Amino acid sequence: MGARLLLAATLLLLWTPAAEALVEPELCYILDAVLFLYGIVLTVLYCRLKKEEAIYTGLSAEGQEMYETLQTKRS
């Protein structure tokens, strides 16, 4: 049964005409533009979300030394 189904699927794929997406490239251009805009919108939303939830939002470097001096113990 599985071999017949595989043979039928193979024959069906060979019988169909050439790729129909290549017949109308305007449709592909429209879909590319939609995906491009979708990517831009998602990038903007992601950057806005990251800016609001930044880890270091409330921290400031004013009044802090860059490095602390280590005190060594003398015995």
PDB file of N, CA and C in Angstrom:
ATOM      1  N   MET A   1       0.826  -1.189   0.000  1.00  0.00           N
ATOM      2  CA  MET A   1       0.000   0.000   0.000  1.00  0.00           C
ATOM      3  C   MET A   1       0.869   1.250   0.000  1.00  0.00           C
ATOM      4  N   GLY A   2       1.944   1.252   0.828  1.00  0.00           N
ATOM      5  CA  GLY A   2       2.822   2.414   0.915  1.00  0.00           C
ATOM      6  C   GLY A   2       3.573   2.661  -0.385  1.00  0.00           C
ATOM      7  N   ALA A   3       3.948   1.558  -1.081  1.00  0.00           N
ATOM      8  CA  ALA A   3       4.676   1.701  -2.338  1.00  0.00           C
ATOM      9  C   ALA A   3       3.774   2.299  -3.416  1.00  0.00           C
ATOM     10  N   ARG A   4       2.506   1.922  -3.415  1.00  0.00           N
ATOM     11  CA  ARG A   4       1.566   2.478  -4.395  1.00  0.00           C
ATOM     12  C   ARG A   4       1.337   3.969  -4.154  1.00  0.00           C
ATOM     13  N   LEU A   5       1.235   4.330  -2.881  1.00  0.00           N
ATOM     14  CA  LEU A   5       1.032   5.734  -2.543  1.00  0.00           C
ATOM     15  C   LEU A   5       2.249   6.562  -2.958  1.00  0.00           C
ATOM     16  N   LEU A   6       3.449   6.037  -2.717  1.00  0.00           N
ATOM     17  CA  LEU A   6       4.672   6.728  -3.111  1.00  0.00           C
ATOM     18  C   LEU A   6       4.755   6.867  -4.628  1.00  0.00           C
ATOM     19  N   LEU A   7       4.394   5.819  -5.357  1.00  0.00           N
ATOM     20  CA  LEU A   7       4.401   5.872  -6.820  1.00  0.00           C
ATOM     21  C   LEU A   7       3.384   6.881  -7.334  1.00  0.00           C
ATOM     22  N   ALA A   8       2.195   6.896  -6.719  1.00  0.00           N
ATOM     23  CA  ALA A   8       1.166   7.844  -7.138  1.00  0.00           C
ATOM     24  C   ALA A   8       1.607   9.284  -6.875  1.00  0.00           C
ATOM     25  N   ALA A   9       2.238   9.536  -5.727  1.00  0.00           N
ATOM     26  CA  ALA A   9       2.709  10.880  -5.411  1.00  0.00           C
ATOM     27  C   ALA A   9       3.812  11.309  -6.375  1.00  0.00           C
ATOM     28  N   THR A  10       4.704  10.390  -6.718  1.00  0.00           N
ATOM     29  CA  THR A  10       5.780  10.698  -7.659  1.00  0.00           C
ATOM     30  C   THR A  10       5.222  11.032  -9.032  1.00  0.00           C
ATOM     31  N   LEU A  11       4.275  10.229  -9.504  1.00  0.00           N
ATOM     32  CA  LEU A  11       3.669  10.497 -10.809  1.00  0.00           C
ATOM     33  C   LEU A  11       2.898  11.815 -10.814  1.00  0.00           C
ATOM     34  N   LEU A  12       2.233  12.120  -9.718  1.00  0.00           N
ATOM     35  CA  LEU A  12       1.501  13.376  -9.628  1.00  0.00           C
ATOM     36  C   LEU A  12       2.453  14.571  -9.685  1.00  0.00           C
ATOM     37  N   LEU A  13       3.593  14.477  -9.009  1.00  0.00           N
ATOM     38  CA  LEU A  13       4.569  15.560  -9.047  1.00  0.00           C
ATOM     39  C   LEU A  13       5.182  15.726 -10.431  1.00  0.00           C
ATOM     40  N   LEU A  14       5.411  14.621 -11.138  1.00  0.00           N
ATOM     41  CA  LEU A  14       5.976  14.697 -12.482  1.00  0.00           C
ATOM     42  C   LEU A  14       4.954  15.217 -13.494  1.00  0.00           C
ATOM     43  N   TRP A  15       3.678  15.014 -13.236  1.00  0.00           N
ATOM     44  CA  TRP A  15       2.629  15.405 -14.168  1.00  0.00           C
ATOM     45  C   TRP A  15       2.290  16.894 -14.076  1.00  0.00           C
ATOM     46  N   THR A  16       2.496  17.495 -12.906  1.00  0.00           N
ATOM     47  CA  THR A  16       2.138  18.898 -12.729  1.00  0.00           C
ATOM     48  C   THR A  16       3.034  19.787 -13.576  1.00  0.00           C
ATOM     49  N   PRO A  17       2.516  20.933 -14.016  1.00  0.00           N
ATOM     50  CA  PRO A  17       3.325  21.847 -14.832  1.00  0.00           C
ATOM     51  C   PRO A  17       4.472  22.450 -14.030  1.00  0.00           C
ATOM     52  N   ALA A  18       5.313  23.178 -14.732  1.00  0.00           N
ATOM     53  CA  ALA A  18       6.486  23.787 -14.082  1.00  0.00           C
ATOM     54  C   ALA A  18       6.046  24.711 -12.951  1.00  0.00           C
ATOM     55  N   ALA A  19       6.998  25.091 -12.157  1.00  0.00           N
ATOM     56  CA  ALA A  19       6.702  25.908 -10.977  1.00  0.00           C
ATOM     57  C   ALA A  19       5.880  27.125 -11.369  1.00  0.00           C
ATOM     58  N   GLU A  20       4.703  27.223 -10.808  1.00  0.00           N
ATOM     59  CA  GLU A  20       3.793  28.294 -11.184  1.00  0.00           C
ATOM     60  C   GLU A  20       4.158  29.604 -10.513  1.00  0.00           C
ATOM     61  N   ALA A  21       5.001  29.574  -9.516  1.00  0.00           N
ATOM     62  CA  ALA A  21       5.422  30.815  -8.864  1.00  0.00           C
ATOM     63  C   ALA A  21       6.284  31.635  -9.801  1.00  0.00           C
ATOM     64  N   LEU A  22       6.960  30.976 -10.739  1.00  0.00           N
ATOM     65  CA  LEU A  22       7.812  31.693 -11.676  1.00  0.00           C
ATOM     66  C   LEU A  22       7.011  32.364 -12.787  1.00  0.00           C
ATOM     67  N   VAL A  23       5.767  31.976 -12.952  1.00  0.00           N
ATOM     68  CA  VAL A  23       4.935  32.562 -13.996  1.00  0.00           C
ATOM     69  C   VAL A  23       4.548  33.985 -13.626  1.00  0.00           C
ATOM     70  N   GLU A  24       4.266  34.235 -12.348  1.00  0.00           N
ATOM     71  CA  GLU A  24       3.865  35.561 -11.902  1.00  0.00           C
ATOM     72  C   GLU A  24       4.853  36.077 -10.858  1.00  0.00           C
ATOM     73  N   PRO A  25       5.956  36.701 -11.291  1.00  0.00           N
ATOM     74  CA  PRO A  25       6.948  37.172 -10.321  1.00  0.00           C
ATOM     75  C   PRO A  25       6.459  38.378  -9.512  1.00  0.00           C
ATOM     76  N   GLU A  26       5.431  39.069  -9.999  1.00  0.00           N
ATOM     77  CA  GLU A  26       4.921  40.219  -9.251  1.00  0.00           C
ATOM     78  C   GLU A  26       4.412  39.792  -7.884  1.00  0.00           C
ATOM     79  N   LEU A  27       3.816  38.623  -7.809  1.00  0.00           N
ATOM     80  CA  LEU A  27       3.339  38.099  -6.534  1.00  0.00           C
ATOM     81  C   LEU A  27       4.506  37.901  -5.570  1.00  0.00           C
ATOM     82  N   CYS A  28       5.610  37.419  -6.069  1.00  0.00           N
ATOM     83  CA  CYS A  28       6.791  37.227  -5.219  1.00  0.00           C
ATOM     84  C   CYS A  28       7.329  38.571  -4.728  1.00  0.00           C
ATOM     85  N   TYR A  29       7.307  39.582  -5.598  1.00  0.00           N
ATOM     86  CA  TYR A  29       7.779  40.904  -5.186  1.00  0.00           C
ATOM     87  C   TYR A  29       6.898  41.478  -4.084  1.00  0.00           C
ATOM     88  N   ILE A  30       5.599  41.280  -4.201  1.00  0.00           N
ATOM     89  CA  ILE A  30       4.675  41.771  -3.176  1.00  0.00           C
ATOM     90  C   ILE A  30       4.923  41.052  -1.857  1.00  0.00           C
ATOM     91  N   LEU A  31       5.089  39.748  -1.911  1.00  0.00           N
ATOM     92  CA  LEU A  31       5.352  38.983  -0.690  1.00  0.00           C
ATOM     93  C   LEU A  31       6.695  39.373  -0.069  1.00  0.00           C
ATOM     94  N   ASP A  32       7.699  39.628  -0.916  1.00  0.00           N
ATOM     95  CA  ASP A  32       8.994  40.077  -0.396  1.00  0.00           C
ATOM     96  C   ASP A  32       8.865  41.417   0.316  1.00  0.00           C
ATOM     97  N   ALA A  33       8.085  42.334  -0.254  1.00  0.00           N
ATOM     98  CA  ALA A  33       7.896  43.647   0.372  1.00  0.00           C
ATOM     99  C   ALA A  33       7.169  43.504   1.707  1.00  0.00           C
ATOM    100  N   VAL A  34       6.164  42.638   1.757  1.00  0.00           N
ATOM    101  CA  VAL A  34       5.428  42.426   3.005  1.00  0.00           C
ATOM    102  C   VAL A  34       6.354  41.849   4.067  1.00  0.00           C
ATOM    103  N   LEU A  35       7.154  40.869   3.714  1.00  0.00           N
ATOM    104  CA  LEU A  35       8.090  40.277   4.673  1.00  0.00           C
ATOM    105  C   LEU A  35       9.154  41.270   5.120  1.00  0.00           C
ATOM    106  N   PHE A  36       9.602  42.129   4.209  1.00  0.00           N
ATOM    107  CA  PHE A  36      10.586  43.152   4.549  1.00  0.00           C
ATOM    108  C   PHE A  36      10.009  44.132   5.563  1.00  0.00           C
ATOM    109  N   LEU A  37       8.800  44.608   5.316  1.00  0.00           N
ATOM    110  CA  LEU A  37       8.149  45.527   6.255  1.00  0.00           C
ATOM    111  C   LEU A  37       7.878  44.848   7.591  1.00  0.00           C
ATOM    112  N   TYR A  38       7.479  43.596   7.556  1.00  0.00           N
ATOM    113  CA  TYR A  38       7.239  42.829   8.778  1.00  0.00           C
ATOM    114  C   TYR A  38       8.522  42.730   9.606  1.00  0.00           C
ATOM    115  N   GLY A  39       9.644  42.490   8.942  1.00  0.00           N
ATOM    116  CA  GLY A  39      10.927  42.422   9.633  1.00  0.00           C
ATOM    117  C   GLY A  39      11.314  43.749  10.261  1.00  0.00           C
ATOM    118  N   ILE A  40      11.052  44.844   9.558  1.00  0.00           N
ATOM    119  CA  ILE A  40      11.358  46.168  10.112  1.00  0.00           C
ATOM    120  C   ILE A  40      10.498  46.450  11.330  1.00  0.00           C
ATOM    121  N   VAL A  41       9.210  46.150  11.243  1.00  0.00           N
ATOM    122  CA  VAL A  41       8.310  46.394  12.372  1.00  0.00           C
ATOM    123  C   VAL A  41       8.727  45.570  13.582  1.00  0.00           C
ATOM    124  N   LEU A  42       9.044  44.310  13.372  1.00  0.00           N
ATOM    125  CA  LEU A  42       9.472  43.468  14.493  1.00  0.00           C
ATOM    126  C   LEU A  42      10.782  43.958  15.097  1.00  0.00           C
ATOM    127  N   THR A  43      11.698  44.434  14.281  1.00  0.00           N
ATOM    128  CA  THR A  43      12.959  44.951  14.788  1.00  0.00           C
ATOM    129  C   THR A  43      12.737  46.190  15.635  1.00  0.00           C
ATOM    130  N   VAL A  44      11.872  47.097  15.176  1.00  0.00           N
ATOM    131  CA  VAL A  44      11.580  48.310  15.936  1.00  0.00           C
ATOM    132  C   VAL A  44      10.922  47.959  17.268  1.00  0.00           C
ATOM    133  N   LEU A  45       9.960  47.050  17.238  1.00  0.00           N
ATOM    134  CA  LEU A  45       9.294  46.653  18.473  1.00  0.00           C
ATOM    135  C   LEU A  45      10.263  45.978  19.433  1.00  0.00           C
ATOM    136  N   TYR A  46      11.157  45.166  18.918  1.00  0.00           N
ATOM    137  CA  TYR A  46      12.145  44.489  19.768  1.00  0.00           C
ATOM    138  C   TYR A  46      13.093  45.504  20.402  1.00  0.00           C
ATOM    139  N   CYS A  47      13.557  46.472  19.618  1.00  0.00           N
ATOM    140  CA  CYS A  47      14.466  47.483  20.161  1.00  0.00           C
ATOM    141  C   CYS A  47      13.765  48.335  21.206  1.00  0.00           C
ATOM    142  N   ARG A  48      12.509  48.684  20.994  1.00  0.00           N
ATOM    143  CA  ARG A  48      11.758  49.468  21.975  1.00  0.00           C
ATOM    144  C   ARG A  48      11.583  48.670  23.265  1.00  0.00           C
ATOM    145  N   LEU A  49      11.301  47.385  23.141  1.00  0.00           N
ATOM    146  CA  LEU A  49      11.136  46.533  24.313  1.00  0.00           C
ATOM    147  C   LEU A  49      12.446  46.418  25.085  1.00  0.00           C
ATOM    148  N   LYS A  50      13.549  46.255  24.386  1.00  0.00           N
ATOM    149  CA  LYS A  50      14.849  46.132  25.041  1.00  0.00           C
ATOM    150  C   LYS A  50      15.249  47.433  25.716  1.00  0.00           C
ATOM    151  N   LYS A  51      14.886  48.567  25.117  1.00  0.00           N
ATOM    152  CA  LYS A  51      15.239  49.851  25.721  1.00  0.00           C
ATOM    153  C   LYS A  51      14.489  50.050  27.033  1.00  0.00           C
ATOM    154  N   GLU A  52      13.247  49.633  27.099  1.00  0.00           N
ATOM    155  CA  GLU A  52      12.443  49.793  28.303  1.00  0.00           C
ATOM    156  C   GLU A  52      12.868  48.834  29.412  1.00  0.00           C
ATOM    157  N   GLU A  53      13.298  47.649  29.037  1.00  0.00           N
ATOM    158  CA  GLU A  53      13.658  46.634  30.017  1.00  0.00           C
ATOM    159  C   GLU A  53      15.159  46.468  30.153  1.00  0.00           C
ATOM    160  N   ALA A  54      15.906  47.508  29.909  1.00  0.00           N
ATOM    161  CA  ALA A  54      17.363  47.405  29.982  1.00  0.00           C
ATOM    162  C   ALA A  54      17.798  47.062  31.409  1.00  0.00           C
ATOM    163  N   ILE A  55      18.816  46.272  31.513  1.00  0.00           N
ATOM    164  CA  ILE A  55      19.297  45.804  32.809  1.00  0.00           C
ATOM    165  C   ILE A  55      19.868  46.958  33.622  1.00  0.00           C
ATOM    166  N   TYR A  56      20.556  47.873  32.956  1.00  0.00           N
ATOM    167  CA  TYR A  56      21.271  48.936  33.650  1.00  0.00           C
ATOM    168  C   TYR A  56      20.509  50.258  33.633  1.00  0.00           C
ATOM    169  N   THR A  57      19.206  50.243  33.512  1.00  0.00           N
ATOM    170  CA  THR A  57      18.427  51.459  33.378  1.00  0.00           C
ATOM    171  C   THR A  57      18.600  52.403  34.555  1.00  0.00           C
ATOM    172  N   GLY A  58      18.502  51.924  35.794  1.00  0.00           N
ATOM    173  CA  GLY A  58      18.549  52.785  36.958  1.00  0.00           C
ATOM    174  C   GLY A  58      19.937  53.065  37.491  1.00  0.00           C
ATOM    175  N   LEU A  59      20.955  52.484  36.919  1.00  0.00           N
ATOM    176  CA  LEU A  59      22.316  52.643  37.443  1.00  0.00           C
ATOM    177  C   LEU A  59      22.992  53.857  36.839  1.00  0.00           C
ATOM    178  N   SER A  60      23.820  54.509  37.624  1.00  0.00           N
ATOM    179  CA  SER A  60      24.624  55.616  37.106  1.00  0.00           C
ATOM    180  C   SER A  60      26.046  55.446  37.613  1.00  0.00           C
ATOM    181  N   ALA A  61      26.997  55.964  36.866  1.00  0.00           N
ATOM    182  CA  ALA A  61      28.408  55.822  37.212  1.00  0.00           C
ATOM    183  C   ALA A  61      28.930  57.023  37.970  1.00  0.00           C
ATOM    184  N   GLU A  62      28.077  57.988  38.254  1.00  0.00           N
ATOM    185  CA  GLU A  62      28.520  59.195  38.942  1.00  0.00           C
ATOM    186  C   GLU A  62      28.891  58.868  40.394  1.00  0.00           C
ATOM    187  N   GLY A  63      30.020  59.399  40.832  1.00  0.00           N
ATOM    188  CA  GLY A  63      30.448  59.223  42.212  1.00  0.00           C
ATOM    189  C   GLY A  63      31.030  57.855  42.509  1.00  0.00           C
ATOM    190  N   GLN A  64      31.262  57.048  41.506  1.00  0.00           N
ATOM    191  CA  GLN A  64      31.848  55.725  41.737  1.00  0.00           C
ATOM    192  C   GLN A  64      33.204  55.670  41.064  1.00  0.00           C
ATOM    193  N   GLU A  65      34.145  55.059  41.744  1.00  0.00           N
ATOM    194  CA  GLU A  65      35.445  54.859  41.131  1.00  0.00           C
ATOM    195  C   GLU A  65      35.361  53.689  40.171  1.00  0.00           C
ATOM    196  N   MET A  66      36.193  53.762  39.168  1.00  0.00           N
ATOM    197  CA  MET A  66      36.176  52.687  38.182  1.00  0.00           C
ATOM    198  C   MET A  66      36.660  51.382  38.807  1.00  0.00           C
ATOM    199  N   TYR A  67      37.742  51.462  39.566  1.00  0.00           N
ATOM    200  CA  TYR A  67      38.287  50.275  40.207  1.00  0.00           C
ATOM    201  C   TYR A  67      38.501  50.581  41.687  1.00  0.00           C
ATOM    202  N   GLU A  68      38.231  49.610  42.511  1.00  0.00           N
ATOM    203  CA  GLU A  68      38.482  49.765  43.929  1.00  0.00           C
ATOM    204  C   GLU A  68      39.886  49.263  44.239  1.00  0.00           C
ATOM    205  N   THR A  69      40.515  49.923  45.203  1.00  0.00           N
ATOM    206  CA  THR A  69      41.863  49.506  45.600  1.00  0.00           C
ATOM    207  C   THR A  69      41.735  48.381  46.625  1.00  0.00           C
ATOM    208  N   LEU A  70      42.457  47.325  46.388  1.00  0.00           N
ATOM    209  CA  LEU A  70      42.451  46.188  47.304  1.00  0.00           C
ATOM    210  C   LEU A  70      43.422  46.454  48.444  1.00  0.00           C
ATOM    211  N   GLN A  71      42.984  46.208  49.642  1.00  0.00           N
ATOM    212  CA  GLN A  71      43.850  46.364  50.807  1.00  0.00           C
ATOM    213  C   GLN A  71      44.475  45.011  51.133  1.00  0.00           C
ATOM    214  N   THR A  72      45.776  44.982  51.215  1.00  0.00           N
ATOM    215  CA  THR A  72      46.453  43.727  51.523  1.00  0.00           C
ATOM    216  C   THR A  72      46.633  43.619  53.031  1.00  0.00           C
ATOM    217  N   LYS A  73      46.554  42.421  53.548  1.00  0.00           N
ATOM    218  CA  LYS A  73      46.765  42.172  54.987  1.00  0.00           C
ATOM    219  C   LYS A  73      48.251  41.993  55.235  1.00  0.00           C
ATOM    220  N   ARG A  74      48.729  42.705  56.227  1.00  0.00           N
ATOM    221  CA  ARG A  74      50.151  42.560  56.586  1.00  0.00           C
ATOM    222  C   ARG A  74      50.232  41.774  57.878  1.00  0.00           C
ATOM    223  N   SER A  75      51.044  40.762  57.894  1.00  0.00           N
ATOM    224  CA  SER A  75      51.160  39.984  59.134  1.00  0.00           C
ATOM    225  C   SER A  75      52.536  40.064  59.723  1.00  0.00           C
TER     226      SER A  75
END
